[in-house]
Amino acid sequence: MHPQVFVVWAHTSPGWDVARVQGWRDTVHRFAQLLHRLGVDADLDLFHQHEPVDWSTFCLQRMEDADRVVVAVSDGWKRAFRGDSRVSLGAEYELKHLRGMLMRQPDVFQRKVVVVVLPGAGIEDIPLSLHCVPHFVVDPAVPASARELGHLLRGQPMYVKPRAEPAIRRLARAGDPGVAAELLGTTVFLPDPGEPGLVTTAVEGYEKAVLVFTGLDRLTAYRRVKGLPWADRWLEVEGAELLPFVASAELAVVVDAGAAPEETVFLSSVDIGVLVR
């Protein structure tokens, strides 16, 4: 689902002529279009000028409903934020709402508000009290300039921290026989795109048994049938790395129909115990 973003801006600034006002409007419009190309559902008052809109409530509702409020600063917006509503009367309601949020809900303000500096504005146009939130310098003509902003709005990290290698995989690669004991106490899986559907048999002596499925989707289907919540106990491990240790430890193996060494799912003895009771 695309994040909902509302873009807040002032239509003019002191000393701007008609050409500069139109140029600024075009810049803000191109910025909103760029956000859409980045996978963000950005809304903007310009998109609704053909509609019968009550502007005194429209922008307030959009800011309430949005996941993020992106402020395109300018000299006029900065002056209006300080209370000089004569500069941009259309921004008055938005700014009162933002100032109230900053005073009464600073944690929400910090989480929700983002500042952008577009061509035609500068860092000096950011009000001092808004330096507490992230700000980005973006040129709509250069999509790469919005890459970091796009990741922030989508809630996706630009640099992904590698996951720690599961202990069971580390033991298997080291040839440590202790992997058998680790296997019996850990649920591990290797995802597989196969169709759901299981063929299993009762497990005798399940204390030393390992149940093998052909993929995550099959295990998910079986969990659903049994009503068993195991999702938070899964770790990814290559099945082929574990099978030799299963055999050497004389563990019983019950195999789901069609299972192959390179696409297996192991279920720990704890969960097998639940299955056979």
C-alpha atoms as a PDB file:
ATOM      1  CA  MET A   1       0.000   0.000   0.000  1.00  0.00           C
ATOM      2  CA  HIS A   2       1.382   3.388  -0.992  1.00  0.00           C
ATOM      3  CA  PRO A   3       1.974   5.842   1.883  1.00  0.00           C
ATOM      4  CA  GLN A   4      -0.406   8.824   1.922  1.00  0.00           C
ATOM      5  CA  VAL A   5       1.398  12.182   1.763  1.00  0.00           C
ATOM      6  CA  PHE A   6      -0.015  15.709   1.721  1.00  0.00           C
ATOM      7  CA  VAL A   7       2.171  18.492   0.323  1.00  0.00           C
ATOM      8  CA  VAL A   8       1.907  21.860   2.098  1.00  0.00           C
ATOM      9  CA  TRP A   9       3.212  25.047   0.455  1.00  0.00           C
ATOM     10  CA  ALA A  10       2.651  28.789   0.077  1.00  0.00           C
ATOM     11  CA  HIS A  11       1.575  29.984  -3.354  1.00  0.00           C
ATOM     12  CA  THR A  12       3.623  33.181  -3.281  1.00  0.00           C
ATOM     13  CA  SER A  13       6.312  35.170  -1.486  1.00  0.00           C
ATOM     14  CA  PRO A  14       6.955  38.922  -1.058  1.00  0.00           C
ATOM     15  CA  GLY A  15       8.206  40.555  -4.244  1.00  0.00           C
ATOM     16  CA  TRP A  16       7.316  37.711  -6.576  1.00  0.00           C
ATOM     17  CA  ASP A  17       5.840  38.686  -9.918  1.00  0.00           C
ATOM     18  CA  VAL A  18       3.295  36.659 -11.878  1.00  0.00           C
ATOM     19  CA  ALA A  19       5.951  34.714 -13.764  1.00  0.00           C
ATOM     20  CA  ARG A  20       7.751  33.637 -10.589  1.00  0.00           C
ATOM     21  CA  VAL A  21       4.497  32.654  -8.887  1.00  0.00           C
ATOM     22  CA  GLN A  22       3.638  30.458 -11.883  1.00  0.00           C
ATOM     23  CA  GLY A  23       7.146  29.006 -11.959  1.00  0.00           C
ATOM     24  CA  TRP A  24       6.916  28.084  -8.276  1.00  0.00           C
ATOM     25  CA  ARG A  25       3.514  26.484  -8.821  1.00  0.00           C
ATOM     26  CA  ASP A  26       4.929  24.371 -11.655  1.00  0.00           C
ATOM     27  CA  THR A  27       7.874  23.307  -9.485  1.00  0.00           C
ATOM     28  CA  VAL A  28       5.608  22.141  -6.648  1.00  0.00           C
ATOM     29  CA  HIS A  29       3.412  20.313  -9.152  1.00  0.00           C
ATOM     30  CA  ARG A  30       6.400  18.499 -10.677  1.00  0.00           C
ATOM     31  CA  PHE A  31       7.573  17.580  -7.187  1.00  0.00           C
ATOM     32  CA  ALA A  32       4.221  15.938  -6.380  1.00  0.00           C
ATOM     33  CA  GLN A  33       4.396  14.054  -9.671  1.00  0.00           C
ATOM     34  CA  LEU A  34       7.895  12.851  -8.782  1.00  0.00           C
ATOM     35  CA  LEU A  35       6.623  11.504  -5.451  1.00  0.00           C
ATOM     36  CA  HIS A  36       4.049   9.442  -7.333  1.00  0.00           C
ATOM     37  CA  ARG A  37       6.780   7.973  -9.516  1.00  0.00           C
ATOM     38  CA  LEU A  38       8.614   7.022  -6.320  1.00  0.00           C
ATOM     39  CA  GLY A  39       5.627   4.996  -5.104  1.00  0.00           C
ATOM     40  CA  VAL A  40       4.117   7.661  -2.831  1.00  0.00           C
ATOM     41  CA  ASP A  41       0.445   8.700  -3.025  1.00  0.00           C
ATOM     42  CA  ALA A  42       1.049  12.448  -2.815  1.00  0.00           C
ATOM     43  CA  ASP A  43      -1.897  14.820  -2.673  1.00  0.00           C
ATOM     44  CA  LEU A  44      -1.757  18.534  -3.404  1.00  0.00           C
ATOM     45  CA  ASP A  45      -4.296  21.366  -3.416  1.00  0.00           C
ATOM     46  CA  LEU A  46      -3.563  21.938  -7.119  1.00  0.00           C
ATOM     47  CA  PHE A  47      -5.110  18.548  -7.884  1.00  0.00           C
ATOM     48  CA  HIS A  48      -8.483  19.759  -6.539  1.00  0.00           C
ATOM     49  CA  GLN A  49      -8.851  23.284  -7.850  1.00  0.00           C
ATOM     50  CA  HIS A  50     -11.572  22.190 -10.279  1.00  0.00           C
ATOM     51  CA  GLU A  51     -13.684  20.845  -7.393  1.00  0.00           C
ATOM     52  CA  PRO A  52     -16.125  22.696  -5.081  1.00  0.00           C
ATOM     53  CA  VAL A  53     -13.780  22.627  -2.092  1.00  0.00           C
ATOM     54  CA  ASP A  54     -14.056  24.290   1.307  1.00  0.00           C
ATOM     55  CA  TRP A  55     -10.369  25.144   1.650  1.00  0.00           C
ATOM     56  CA  SER A  56     -10.744  26.018   5.345  1.00  0.00           C
ATOM     57  CA  THR A  57     -11.344  22.329   6.119  1.00  0.00           C
ATOM     58  CA  PHE A  58      -9.898  20.524   3.090  1.00  0.00           C
ATOM     59  CA  CYS A  59      -6.219  20.930   3.947  1.00  0.00           C
ATOM     60  CA  LEU A  60      -6.772  20.271   7.661  1.00  0.00           C
ATOM     61  CA  GLN A  61      -8.480  16.971   6.877  1.00  0.00           C
ATOM     62  CA  ARG A  62      -5.775  15.990   4.408  1.00  0.00           C
ATOM     63  CA  MET A  63      -3.070  16.647   7.013  1.00  0.00           C
ATOM     64  CA  GLU A  64      -4.961  14.614   9.617  1.00  0.00           C
ATOM     65  CA  ASP A  65      -5.428  11.655   7.273  1.00  0.00           C
ATOM     66  CA  ALA A  66      -1.947  11.636   5.716  1.00  0.00           C
ATOM     67  CA  ASP A  67       0.843   9.370   6.897  1.00  0.00           C
ATOM     68  CA  ARG A  68       3.262  12.241   6.278  1.00  0.00           C
ATOM     69  CA  VAL A  69       3.007  15.993   5.751  1.00  0.00           C
ATOM     70  CA  VAL A  70       5.685  17.283   3.368  1.00  0.00           C
ATOM     71  CA  VAL A  71       6.349  21.018   3.628  1.00  0.00           C
ATOM     72  CA  ALA A  72       7.786  22.725   0.555  1.00  0.00           C
ATOM     73  CA  VAL A  73       9.323  25.762   2.226  1.00  0.00           C
ATOM     74  CA  SER A  74       9.742  29.207   0.702  1.00  0.00           C
ATOM     75  CA  ASP A  75      10.212  32.736   1.982  1.00  0.00           C
ATOM     76  CA  GLY A  76       6.449  33.273   1.924  1.00  0.00           C
ATOM     77  CA  TRP A  77       5.794  30.018   3.801  1.00  0.00           C
ATOM     78  CA  LYS A  78       8.391  30.883   6.440  1.00  0.00           C
ATOM     79  CA  ARG A  79       6.823  34.292   7.009  1.00  0.00           C
ATOM     80  CA  ALA A  80       3.365  32.752   7.255  1.00  0.00           C
ATOM     81  CA  PHE A  81       4.660  30.164   9.744  1.00  0.00           C
ATOM     82  CA  ARG A  82       5.866  33.058  11.919  1.00  0.00           C
ATOM     83  CA  GLY A  83       2.330  34.480  11.848  1.00  0.00           C
ATOM     84  CA  ASP A  84       2.435  36.933   8.945  1.00  0.00           C
ATOM     85  CA  SER A  85      -0.658  35.497   7.235  1.00  0.00           C
ATOM     86  CA  ARG A  86      -0.886  38.540   4.950  1.00  0.00           C
ATOM     87  CA  VAL A  87       1.847  36.992   2.826  1.00  0.00           C
ATOM     88  CA  SER A  88      -0.074  33.822   1.936  1.00  0.00           C
ATOM     89  CA  LEU A  89      -3.670  33.786   3.159  1.00  0.00           C
ATOM     90  CA  GLY A  90      -4.251  30.283   1.763  1.00  0.00           C
ATOM     91  CA  ALA A  91      -1.638  28.793   4.108  1.00  0.00           C
ATOM     92  CA  GLU A  92      -3.175  30.238   7.281  1.00  0.00           C
ATOM     93  CA  TYR A  93      -5.263  27.207   8.297  1.00  0.00           C
ATOM     94  CA  GLU A  94      -2.512  24.721   7.521  1.00  0.00           C
ATOM     95  CA  LEU A  95       0.049  26.658   9.509  1.00  0.00           C
ATOM     96  CA  LYS A  96      -2.164  27.030  12.575  1.00  0.00           C
ATOM     97  CA  HIS A  97      -2.654  23.272  12.513  1.00  0.00           C
ATOM     98  CA  LEU A  98       1.087  22.615  12.213  1.00  0.00           C
ATOM     99  CA  ARG A  99       1.976  25.101  14.950  1.00  0.00           C
ATOM    100  CA  GLY A 100      -0.605  23.500  17.230  1.00  0.00           C
ATOM    101  CA  MET A 101       0.793  20.033  16.502  1.00  0.00           C
ATOM    102  CA  LEU A 102       4.312  21.255  17.232  1.00  0.00           C
ATOM    103  CA  MET A 103       3.226  22.661  20.599  1.00  0.00           C
ATOM    104  CA  ARG A 104       0.762  19.984  21.747  1.00  0.00           C
ATOM    105  CA  GLN A 105       2.029  16.832  20.035  1.00  0.00           C
ATOM    106  CA  PRO A 106       5.761  17.277  19.409  1.00  0.00           C
ATOM    107  CA  ASP A 107       6.277  13.517  19.071  1.00  0.00           C
ATOM    108  CA  VAL A 108       3.625  13.302  16.322  1.00  0.00           C
ATOM    109  CA  PHE A 109       5.059  16.388  14.640  1.00  0.00           C
ATOM    110  CA  GLN A 110       8.543  14.881  14.674  1.00  0.00           C
ATOM    111  CA  ARG A 111       7.296  11.622  13.181  1.00  0.00           C
ATOM    112  CA  LYS A 112       4.914  13.069  10.611  1.00  0.00           C
ATOM    113  CA  VAL A 113       6.390  16.288   9.203  1.00  0.00           C
ATOM    114  CA  VAL A 114       9.130  16.379   6.558  1.00  0.00           C
ATOM    115  CA  VAL A 115      10.643  19.511   4.975  1.00  0.00           C
ATOM    116  CA  VAL A 116      11.781  19.816   1.362  1.00  0.00           C
ATOM    117  CA  VAL A 117      13.734  22.616  -0.286  1.00  0.00           C
ATOM    118  CA  LEU A 118      12.826  22.887  -3.967  1.00  0.00           C
ATOM    119  CA  PRO A 119      14.423  25.041  -6.690  1.00  0.00           C
ATOM    120  CA  GLY A 120      13.386  28.631  -6.003  1.00  0.00           C
ATOM    121  CA  ALA A 121      13.766  28.198  -2.222  1.00  0.00           C
ATOM    122  CA  GLY A 122      16.743  27.806   0.083  1.00  0.00           C
ATOM    123  CA  ILE A 123      17.806  26.298   3.405  1.00  0.00           C
ATOM    124  CA  GLU A 124      17.365  29.747   4.950  1.00  0.00           C
ATOM    125  CA  ASP A 125      13.620  29.416   4.271  1.00  0.00           C
ATOM    126  CA  ILE A 126      13.300  26.640   6.870  1.00  0.00           C
ATOM    127  CA  PRO A 127      11.917  28.126  10.114  1.00  0.00           C
ATOM    128  CA  LEU A 128      14.250  27.539  13.064  1.00  0.00           C
ATOM    129  CA  SER A 129      11.702  25.359  14.883  1.00  0.00           C
ATOM    130  CA  LEU A 130      11.441  23.056  11.849  1.00  0.00           C
ATOM    131  CA  HIS A 131      15.104  22.121  11.896  1.00  0.00           C
ATOM    132  CA  CYS A 132      14.046  19.397  14.349  1.00  0.00           C
ATOM    133  CA  VAL A 133      12.524  17.342  11.492  1.00  0.00           C
ATOM    134  CA  PRO A 134      14.246  15.782   8.450  1.00  0.00           C
ATOM    135  CA  HIS A 135      14.805  18.081   5.479  1.00  0.00           C
ATOM    136  CA  PHE A 136      15.785  17.244   1.913  1.00  0.00           C
ATOM    137  CA  VAL A 137      16.981  19.356  -1.022  1.00  0.00           C
ATOM    138  CA  VAL A 138      15.117  18.047  -4.064  1.00  0.00           C
ATOM    139  CA  ASP A 139      15.094  19.077  -7.706  1.00  0.00           C
ATOM    140  CA  PRO A 140      12.086  17.534  -9.516  1.00  0.00           C
ATOM    141  CA  ALA A 141      14.127  17.593 -12.733  1.00  0.00           C
ATOM    142  CA  VAL A 142      16.674  15.263 -11.095  1.00  0.00           C
ATOM    143  CA  PRO A 143      14.764  12.212  -9.759  1.00  0.00           C
ATOM    144  CA  ALA A 144      17.884  10.875  -8.020  1.00  0.00           C
ATOM    145  CA  SER A 145      17.826  13.910  -5.716  1.00  0.00           C
ATOM    146  CA  ALA A 146      14.636  12.512  -4.125  1.00  0.00           C
ATOM    147  CA  ARG A 147      15.967   8.978  -3.590  1.00  0.00           C
ATOM    148  CA  GLU A 148      16.599   9.371   0.133  1.00  0.00           C
ATOM    149  CA  LEU A 149      13.285  11.183   0.630  1.00  0.00           C
ATOM    150  CA  GLY A 150      11.462   8.380  -1.192  1.00  0.00           C
ATOM    151  CA  HIS A 151      12.954   5.762   1.115  1.00  0.00           C
ATOM    152  CA  LEU A 152      11.912   7.786   4.160  1.00  0.00           C
ATOM    153  CA  LEU A 153       8.325   8.268   2.962  1.00  0.00           C
ATOM    154  CA  ARG A 154       7.966   4.578   2.052  1.00  0.00           C
ATOM    155  CA  GLY A 155       9.525   3.502   5.334  1.00  0.00           C
ATOM    156  CA  GLN A 156      12.266   1.562   3.561  1.00  0.00           C
ATOM    157  CA  PRO A 157      15.933   1.701   4.579  1.00  0.00           C
ATOM    158  CA  MET A 158      18.440   2.795   1.941  1.00  0.00           C
ATOM    159  CA  TYR A 159      21.082   0.547   3.460  1.00  0.00           C
ATOM    160  CA  VAL A 160      19.899  -2.818   4.777  1.00  0.00           C
ATOM    161  CA  LYS A 161      21.712  -4.282   7.761  1.00  0.00           C
ATOM    162  CA  PRO A 162      22.744  -7.898   7.074  1.00  0.00           C
ATOM    163  CA  ARG A 163      20.958 -10.476   9.194  1.00  0.00           C
ATOM    164  CA  ALA A 164      22.997 -12.483  11.636  1.00  0.00           C
ATOM    165  CA  GLU A 165      23.634 -16.026  10.454  1.00  0.00           C
ATOM    166  CA  PRO A 166      21.450 -18.519  12.374  1.00  0.00           C
ATOM    167  CA  ALA A 167      23.386 -20.588  14.895  1.00  0.00           C
ATOM    168  CA  ILE A 168      22.188 -23.807  13.278  1.00  0.00           C
ATOM    169  CA  ARG A 169      23.692 -22.822   9.929  1.00  0.00           C
ATOM    170  CA  ARG A 170      26.968 -21.807  11.566  1.00  0.00           C
ATOM    171  CA  LEU A 171      27.197 -25.178  13.329  1.00  0.00           C
ATOM    172  CA  ALA A 172      26.386 -27.057  10.119  1.00  0.00           C
ATOM    173  CA  ARG A 173      29.065 -25.272   8.124  1.00  0.00           C
ATOM    174  CA  ALA A 174      31.587 -25.918  10.884  1.00  0.00           C
ATOM    175  CA  GLY A 175      30.758 -29.645  10.899  1.00  0.00           C
ATOM    176  CA  ASP A 176      29.763 -29.472  14.579  1.00  0.00           C
ATOM    177  CA  PRO A 177      27.663 -32.505  15.668  1.00  0.00           C
ATOM    178  CA  GLY A 178      25.867 -30.139  18.057  1.00  0.00           C
ATOM    179  CA  VAL A 179      23.750 -29.094  15.101  1.00  0.00           C
ATOM    180  CA  ALA A 180      21.493 -32.095  15.747  1.00  0.00           C
ATOM    181  CA  ALA A 181      20.536 -30.862  19.214  1.00  0.00           C
ATOM    182  CA  GLU A 182      20.105 -27.344  17.863  1.00  0.00           C
ATOM    183  CA  LEU A 183      17.870 -28.677  15.097  1.00  0.00           C
ATOM    184  CA  LEU A 184      15.545 -30.449  17.524  1.00  0.00           C
ATOM    185  CA  GLY A 185      14.929 -27.171  19.384  1.00  0.00           C
ATOM    186  CA  THR A 186      14.599 -24.833  16.423  1.00  0.00           C
ATOM    187  CA  THR A 187      12.095 -24.396  13.622  1.00  0.00           C
ATOM    188  CA  VAL A 188      13.840 -23.661  10.319  1.00  0.00           C
ATOM    189  CA  PHE A 189      12.620 -23.228   6.761  1.00  0.00           C
ATOM    190  CA  LEU A 190      13.604 -22.628   3.180  1.00  0.00           C
ATOM    191  CA  PRO A 191      10.833 -20.850   1.174  1.00  0.00           C
ATOM    192  CA  ASP A 192       9.557 -22.611  -1.932  1.00  0.00           C
ATOM    193  CA  PRO A 193       6.951 -21.503  -4.536  1.00  0.00           C
ATOM    194  CA  GLY A 194       5.190 -24.909  -4.677  1.00  0.00           C
ATOM    195  CA  GLU A 195       1.444 -25.331  -4.328  1.00  0.00           C
ATOM    196  CA  PRO A 196       0.047 -25.959  -0.813  1.00  0.00           C
ATOM    197  CA  GLY A 197      -0.839 -29.560  -0.043  1.00  0.00           C
ATOM    198  CA  LEU A 198       0.614 -32.086   2.407  1.00  0.00           C
ATOM    199  CA  VAL A 199       0.979 -35.831   2.726  1.00  0.00           C
ATOM    200  CA  THR A 200       2.182 -36.708   6.224  1.00  0.00           C
ATOM    201  CA  THR A 201       2.021 -39.693   8.562  1.00  0.00           C
ATOM    202  CA  ALA A 202       1.926 -40.078  12.318  1.00  0.00           C
ATOM    203  CA  VAL A 203       5.326 -39.772  13.951  1.00  0.00           C
ATOM    204  CA  GLU A 204       6.500 -42.422  16.382  1.00  0.00           C
ATOM    205  CA  GLY A 205       9.070 -41.422  18.951  1.00  0.00           C
ATOM    206  CA  TYR A 206       8.798 -37.783  17.973  1.00  0.00           C
ATOM    207  CA  GLU A 207      11.363 -36.726  20.590  1.00  0.00           C
ATOM    208  CA  LYS A 208      13.999 -37.591  17.976  1.00  0.00           C
ATOM    209  CA  ALA A 209      12.017 -36.781  14.841  1.00  0.00           C
ATOM    210  CA  VAL A 210      12.272 -34.097  12.183  1.00  0.00           C
ATOM    211  CA  LEU A 211       9.346 -33.333   9.900  1.00  0.00           C
ATOM    212  CA  VAL A 212      10.315 -32.148   6.417  1.00  0.00           C
ATOM    213  CA  PHE A 213       8.083 -30.017   4.162  1.00  0.00           C
ATOM    214  CA  THR A 214       8.772 -28.942   0.585  1.00  0.00           C
ATOM    215  CA  GLY A 215       8.289 -25.233   1.215  1.00  0.00           C
ATOM    216  CA  LEU A 216       7.070 -22.411   3.379  1.00  0.00           C
ATOM    217  CA  ASP A 217       3.703 -22.263   1.612  1.00  0.00           C
ATOM    218  CA  ARG A 218       2.992 -25.919   2.416  1.00  0.00           C
ATOM    219  CA  LEU A 219       3.967 -25.452   6.045  1.00  0.00           C
ATOM    220  CA  THR A 220       1.783 -22.353   6.188  1.00  0.00           C
ATOM    221  CA  ALA A 221      -1.170 -24.317   4.807  1.00  0.00           C
ATOM    222  CA  TYR A 222      -0.660 -27.077   7.353  1.00  0.00           C
ATOM    223  CA  ARG A 223      -0.369 -24.592  10.211  1.00  0.00           C
ATOM    224  CA  ARG A 224      -3.649 -23.025   9.096  1.00  0.00           C
ATOM    225  CA  VAL A 225      -5.418 -26.399   9.116  1.00  0.00           C
ATOM    226  CA  LYS A 226      -4.051 -27.245  12.559  1.00  0.00           C
ATOM    227  CA  GLY A 227      -4.470 -23.713  13.932  1.00  0.00           C
ATOM    228  CA  LEU A 228      -0.871 -23.602  15.137  1.00  0.00           C
ATOM    229  CA  PRO A 229       0.847 -20.171  15.517  1.00  0.00           C
ATOM    230  CA  TRP A 230       4.532 -20.883  14.763  1.00  0.00           C
ATOM    231  CA  ALA A 231       5.326 -17.893  12.551  1.00  0.00           C
ATOM    232  CA  ASP A 232       7.591 -16.090  14.996  1.00  0.00           C
ATOM    233  CA  ARG A 233       9.818 -19.144  15.502  1.00  0.00           C
ATOM    234  CA  TRP A 234      11.121 -19.510  11.933  1.00  0.00           C
ATOM    235  CA  LEU A 235      14.691 -19.129  10.757  1.00  0.00           C
ATOM    236  CA  GLU A 236      15.973 -19.533   7.204  1.00  0.00           C
ATOM    237  CA  VAL A 237      18.449 -22.396   6.788  1.00  0.00           C
ATOM    238  CA  GLU A 238      19.409 -24.432   3.735  1.00  0.00           C
ATOM    239  CA  GLY A 239      17.912 -27.909   4.038  1.00  0.00           C
ATOM    240  CA  ALA A 240      20.823 -29.505   2.187  1.00  0.00           C
ATOM    241  CA  GLU A 241      23.179 -28.262   4.924  1.00  0.00           C
ATOM    242  CA  LEU A 242      21.249 -30.126   7.617  1.00  0.00           C
ATOM    243  CA  LEU A 243      20.269 -33.470   6.101  1.00  0.00           C
ATOM    244  CA  PRO A 244      23.696 -35.082   6.643  1.00  0.00           C
ATOM    245  CA  PHE A 245      23.577 -34.231  10.342  1.00  0.00           C
ATOM    246  CA  VAL A 246      20.042 -35.525  10.657  1.00  0.00           C
ATOM    247  CA  ALA A 247      21.150 -38.878   9.237  1.00  0.00           C
ATOM    248  CA  SER A 248      24.308 -39.121  11.326  1.00  0.00           C
ATOM    249  CA  ALA A 249      22.395 -38.404  14.534  1.00  0.00           C
ATOM    250  CA  GLU A 250      19.920 -41.192  13.743  1.00  0.00           C
ATOM    251  CA  LEU A 251      16.993 -38.807  13.806  1.00  0.00           C
ATOM    252  CA  ALA A 252      13.728 -39.986  12.286  1.00  0.00           C
ATOM    253  CA  VAL A 253      12.690 -38.045   9.194  1.00  0.00           C
ATOM    254  CA  VAL A 254       9.106 -37.802   7.945  1.00  0.00           C
ATOM    255  CA  VAL A 255       9.050 -36.302   4.460  1.00  0.00           C
ATOM    256  CA  ASP A 256       6.287 -34.288   2.851  1.00  0.00           C
ATOM    257  CA  ALA A 257       5.355 -35.488  -0.649  1.00  0.00           C
ATOM    258  CA  GLY A 258       7.823 -34.278  -3.264  1.00  0.00           C
ATOM    259  CA  ALA A 259      10.410 -32.906  -0.849  1.00  0.00           C
ATOM    260  CA  ALA A 260      13.887 -32.396  -2.269  1.00  0.00           C
ATOM    261  CA  PRO A 261      17.126 -31.743  -0.317  1.00  0.00           C
ATOM    262  CA  GLU A 262      17.470 -28.243  -1.730  1.00  0.00           C
ATOM    263  CA  GLU A 263      13.925 -27.191  -0.869  1.00  0.00           C
ATOM    264  CA  THR A 264      13.027 -28.532   2.540  1.00  0.00           C
ATOM    265  CA  VAL A 265      11.411 -27.245   5.702  1.00  0.00           C
ATOM    266  CA  PHE A 266      12.365 -28.719   9.049  1.00  0.00           C
ATOM    267  CA  LEU A 267       9.934 -28.696  11.962  1.00  0.00           C
ATOM    268  CA  SER A 268      11.343 -29.102  15.438  1.00  0.00           C
ATOM    269  CA  SER A 269      10.452 -31.975  17.738  1.00  0.00           C
ATOM    270  CA  VAL A 270       8.547 -29.560  19.986  1.00  0.00           C
ATOM    271  CA  ASP A 271       6.070 -28.820  17.186  1.00  0.00           C
ATOM    272  CA  ILE A 272       5.975 -32.431  16.015  1.00  0.00           C
ATOM    273  CA  GLY A 273       4.824 -33.300  19.506  1.00  0.00           C
ATOM    274  CA  VAL A 274       1.868 -30.973  19.034  1.00  0.00           C
ATOM    275  CA  LEU A 275       1.022 -32.583  15.687  1.00  0.00           C
ATOM    276  CA  VAL A 276       0.857 -36.172  16.920  1.00  0.00           C
ATOM    277  CA  ARG A 277      -1.025 -35.643  20.172  1.00  0.00           C
END
